[in-house]
Amino acid sequence: MTDGAGELALRESRAAGRLGRLFRIERAGRFARRPVEIVWRLIGRRARLVDELMRLDAARRLLAAPIPAELDAAIGELAREVDQSRALCVARVGTLGGELERRRGAGTATGLRDRGDGRLLGSG
């Protein structure tokens, strides 16, 4: 592999690792413990890393360079992090959707509800 392609692959591997760490941090719930401004900065950083990764991948492909083992491992780890984060998001959306339906009073009547917010006061 030429020096240029090797450098691109190394930078791509590092970007994939940083991006994977951001997904792992979010999945561990550590975004929730941060101020909103910092969370938005981390989300922006993640978007920039995705853009950088796409740019580096395109440049490496133009050189027709093979994928080194280190890059392949980093991309594989990133794919696993993204899959796990996606599954967590889908589950969270389902939970929030169910909670929203209960609060709106959807479903069968199971008891007394408070005002219009749907909170269950008691069942009979």
C-alpha atoms as a PDB file:
ATOM      1  CA  MET A   1       0.000   0.000   0.000  1.00  0.00           C
ATOM      2  CA  THR A   2       1.328   3.435  -0.865  1.00  0.00           C
ATOM      3  CA  ASP A   3       2.091   5.958   1.866  1.00  0.00           C
ATOM      4  CA  GLY A   4      -0.865   8.140   0.845  1.00  0.00           C
ATOM      5  CA  ALA A   5      -3.296   5.238   0.964  1.00  0.00           C
ATOM      6  CA  GLY A   6      -1.808   4.011   4.234  1.00  0.00           C
ATOM      7  CA  GLU A   7      -2.189   7.455   5.800  1.00  0.00           C
ATOM      8  CA  LEU A   8      -5.784   7.680   4.580  1.00  0.00           C
ATOM      9  CA  ALA A   9      -6.566   4.243   6.011  1.00  0.00           C
ATOM     10  CA  LEU A  10      -5.001   5.196   9.344  1.00  0.00           C
ATOM     11  CA  ARG A  11      -6.985   8.437   9.539  1.00  0.00           C
ATOM     12  CA  GLU A  12     -10.144   6.566   8.532  1.00  0.00           C
ATOM     13  CA  SER A  13      -9.520   3.947  11.202  1.00  0.00           C
ATOM     14  CA  ARG A  14      -9.036   6.624  13.884  1.00  0.00           C
ATOM     15  CA  ALA A  15     -12.189   8.466  12.797  1.00  0.00           C
ATOM     16  CA  ALA A  16     -14.172   5.218  12.939  1.00  0.00           C
ATOM     17  CA  GLY A  17     -12.839   4.572  16.447  1.00  0.00           C
ATOM     18  CA  ARG A  18     -13.779   8.065  17.656  1.00  0.00           C
ATOM     19  CA  LEU A  19     -17.227   7.740  16.113  1.00  0.00           C
ATOM     20  CA  GLY A  20     -17.733   4.334  17.731  1.00  0.00           C
ATOM     21  CA  ARG A  21     -16.789   5.790  21.126  1.00  0.00           C
ATOM     22  CA  LEU A  22     -19.391   8.532  20.734  1.00  0.00           C
ATOM     23  CA  PHE A  23     -22.078   5.945  19.982  1.00  0.00           C
ATOM     24  CA  ARG A  24     -20.954   3.864  22.977  1.00  0.00           C
ATOM     25  CA  ILE A  25     -21.002   6.919  25.273  1.00  0.00           C
ATOM     26  CA  GLU A  26     -24.525   7.786  24.167  1.00  0.00           C
ATOM     27  CA  ARG A  27     -25.749   4.212  24.536  1.00  0.00           C
ATOM     28  CA  ALA A  28     -24.324   4.061  28.069  1.00  0.00           C
ATOM     29  CA  GLY A  29     -26.548   7.016  28.964  1.00  0.00           C
ATOM     30  CA  ARG A  30     -23.709   9.435  29.517  1.00  0.00           C
ATOM     31  CA  PHE A  31     -25.221  12.037  27.169  1.00  0.00           C
ATOM     32  CA  ALA A  32     -28.194  12.279  29.553  1.00  0.00           C
ATOM     33  CA  ARG A  33     -25.942  13.425  32.383  1.00  0.00           C
ATOM     34  CA  ARG A  34     -24.521  16.337  30.403  1.00  0.00           C
ATOM     35  CA  PRO A  35     -25.887  19.854  29.907  1.00  0.00           C
ATOM     36  CA  VAL A  36     -27.936  20.256  26.726  1.00  0.00           C
ATOM     37  CA  GLU A  37     -25.325  22.526  25.123  1.00  0.00           C
ATOM     38  CA  ILE A  38     -22.640  19.865  25.495  1.00  0.00           C
ATOM     39  CA  VAL A  39     -24.951  17.155  24.152  1.00  0.00           C
ATOM     40  CA  TRP A  40     -25.610  19.241  21.041  1.00  0.00           C
ATOM     41  CA  ARG A  41     -21.868  19.789  20.598  1.00  0.00           C
ATOM     42  CA  LEU A  42     -21.281  16.017  20.861  1.00  0.00           C
ATOM     43  CA  ILE A  43     -24.033  15.369  18.318  1.00  0.00           C
ATOM     44  CA  GLY A  44     -22.432  17.941  16.011  1.00  0.00           C
ATOM     45  CA  ARG A  45     -19.058  16.291  16.504  1.00  0.00           C
ATOM     46  CA  ARG A  46     -20.578  12.932  15.609  1.00  0.00           C
ATOM     47  CA  ALA A  47     -22.026  14.434  12.408  1.00  0.00           C
ATOM     48  CA  ARG A  48     -18.629  15.900  11.492  1.00  0.00           C
ATOM     49  CA  LEU A  49     -16.968  12.528  12.106  1.00  0.00           C
ATOM     50  CA  VAL A  50     -19.485  10.809   9.815  1.00  0.00           C
ATOM     51  CA  ASP A  51     -18.739  13.394   7.109  1.00  0.00           C
ATOM     52  CA  GLU A  52     -14.988  12.967   7.621  1.00  0.00           C
ATOM     53  CA  LEU A  53     -15.290   9.189   7.480  1.00  0.00           C
ATOM     54  CA  MET A  54     -17.245   9.379   4.231  1.00  0.00           C
ATOM     55  CA  ARG A  55     -14.705  11.789   2.723  1.00  0.00           C
ATOM     56  CA  LEU A  56     -11.747   9.609   3.752  1.00  0.00           C
ATOM     57  CA  ASP A  57     -13.463   6.486   2.423  1.00  0.00           C
ATOM     58  CA  ALA A  58     -14.103   8.156  -0.930  1.00  0.00           C
ATOM     59  CA  ALA A  59     -10.478   9.332  -1.159  1.00  0.00           C
ATOM     60  CA  ARG A  60      -9.153   5.868  -0.305  1.00  0.00           C
ATOM     61  CA  ARG A  61     -11.451   4.279  -2.885  1.00  0.00           C
ATOM     62  CA  LEU A  62     -10.183   6.690  -5.557  1.00  0.00           C
ATOM     63  CA  LEU A  63      -6.687   5.337  -4.911  1.00  0.00           C
ATOM     64  CA  ALA A  64      -8.102   1.807  -5.310  1.00  0.00           C
ATOM     65  CA  ALA A  65      -6.288   0.849  -2.127  1.00  0.00           C
ATOM     66  CA  PRO A  66      -7.205  -2.355  -0.327  1.00  0.00           C
ATOM     67  CA  ILE A  67      -8.750  -2.185   3.130  1.00  0.00           C
ATOM     68  CA  PRO A  68      -6.078  -2.934   5.759  1.00  0.00           C
ATOM     69  CA  ALA A  69      -6.957  -5.253   8.641  1.00  0.00           C
ATOM     70  CA  GLU A  70      -6.877  -2.409  11.208  1.00  0.00           C
ATOM     71  CA  LEU A  71      -9.410  -0.383   9.220  1.00  0.00           C
ATOM     72  CA  ASP A  72     -11.589  -3.435   8.638  1.00  0.00           C
ATOM     73  CA  ALA A  73     -11.657  -4.118  12.396  1.00  0.00           C
ATOM     74  CA  ALA A  74     -12.448  -0.463  13.211  1.00  0.00           C
ATOM     75  CA  ILE A  75     -15.295  -0.350  10.692  1.00  0.00           C
ATOM     76  CA  GLY A  76     -16.635  -3.678  11.998  1.00  0.00           C
ATOM     77  CA  GLU A  77     -16.623  -2.344  15.558  1.00  0.00           C
ATOM     78  CA  LEU A  78     -18.331   0.852  14.408  1.00  0.00           C
ATOM     79  CA  ALA A  79     -21.011  -1.182  12.640  1.00  0.00           C
ATOM     80  CA  ARG A  80     -21.677  -3.153  15.852  1.00  0.00           C
ATOM     81  CA  GLU A  81     -21.907   0.071  17.883  1.00  0.00           C
ATOM     82  CA  VAL A  82     -24.342   1.581  15.381  1.00  0.00           C
ATOM     83  CA  ASP A  83     -26.481  -1.598  15.349  1.00  0.00           C
ATOM     84  CA  GLN A  84     -26.634  -1.681  19.153  1.00  0.00           C
ATOM     85  CA  SER A  85     -27.464   2.029  19.319  1.00  0.00           C
ATOM     86  CA  ARG A  86     -30.165   1.625  16.688  1.00  0.00           C
ATOM     87  CA  ALA A  87     -31.763  -1.262  18.571  1.00  0.00           C
ATOM     88  CA  LEU A  88     -31.757   0.815  21.751  1.00  0.00           C
ATOM     89  CA  CYS A  89     -33.352   3.758  19.904  1.00  0.00           C
ATOM     90  CA  VAL A  90     -36.071   1.573  18.408  1.00  0.00           C
ATOM     91  CA  ALA A  91     -36.881   0.135  21.847  1.00  0.00           C
ATOM     92  CA  ARG A  92     -36.919   3.625  23.386  1.00  0.00           C
ATOM     93  CA  VAL A  93     -39.237   4.964  20.676  1.00  0.00           C
ATOM     94  CA  GLY A  94     -41.596   2.032  21.315  1.00  0.00           C
ATOM     95  CA  THR A  95     -41.585   2.737  25.056  1.00  0.00           C
ATOM     96  CA  LEU A  96     -42.201   6.449  24.530  1.00  0.00           C
ATOM     97  CA  GLY A  97     -44.977   5.712  22.027  1.00  0.00           C
ATOM     98  CA  GLY A  98     -46.721   3.426  24.511  1.00  0.00           C
ATOM     99  CA  GLU A  99     -46.376   6.003  27.280  1.00  0.00           C
ATOM    100  CA  LEU A 100     -47.763   8.721  25.022  1.00  0.00           C
ATOM    101  CA  GLU A 101     -50.764   6.576  24.117  1.00  0.00           C
ATOM    102  CA  ARG A 102     -51.464   5.885  27.800  1.00  0.00           C
ATOM    103  CA  ARG A 103     -51.201   9.571  28.656  1.00  0.00           C
ATOM    104  CA  ARG A 104     -53.581  10.470  25.871  1.00  0.00           C
ATOM    105  CA  GLY A 105     -56.045   7.939  27.213  1.00  0.00           C
ATOM    106  CA  ALA A 106     -55.831   5.530  24.284  1.00  0.00           C
ATOM    107  CA  GLY A 107     -56.718   1.913  24.776  1.00  0.00           C
ATOM    108  CA  THR A 108     -59.292   0.290  26.995  1.00  0.00           C
ATOM    109  CA  ALA A 109     -60.653   2.074  30.047  1.00  0.00           C
ATOM    110  CA  THR A 110     -58.921   0.583  33.067  1.00  0.00           C
ATOM    111  CA  GLY A 111     -59.765   3.115  35.751  1.00  0.00           C
ATOM    112  CA  LEU A 112     -60.019   6.747  36.685  1.00  0.00           C
ATOM    113  CA  ARG A 113     -57.694   9.129  34.961  1.00  0.00           C
ATOM    114  CA  ASP A 114     -56.525  12.565  36.029  1.00  0.00           C
ATOM    115  CA  ARG A 115     -57.658  15.517  33.890  1.00  0.00           C
ATOM    116  CA  GLY A 116     -56.435  15.295  30.311  1.00  0.00           C
ATOM    117  CA  ASP A 117     -52.911  14.032  30.931  1.00  0.00           C
ATOM    118  CA  GLY A 118     -54.020  10.411  31.224  1.00  0.00           C
ATOM    119  CA  ARG A 119     -52.403   9.579  34.564  1.00  0.00           C
ATOM    120  CA  LEU A 120     -54.104   6.645  36.194  1.00  0.00           C
ATOM    121  CA  LEU A 121     -55.608   7.511  39.580  1.00  0.00           C
ATOM    122  CA  GLY A 122     -57.103   4.146  40.402  1.00  0.00           C
ATOM    123  CA  SER A 123     -58.735   1.087  38.929  1.00  0.00           C
ATOM    124  CA  GLY A 124     -61.915  -0.667  39.809  1.00  0.00           C
END
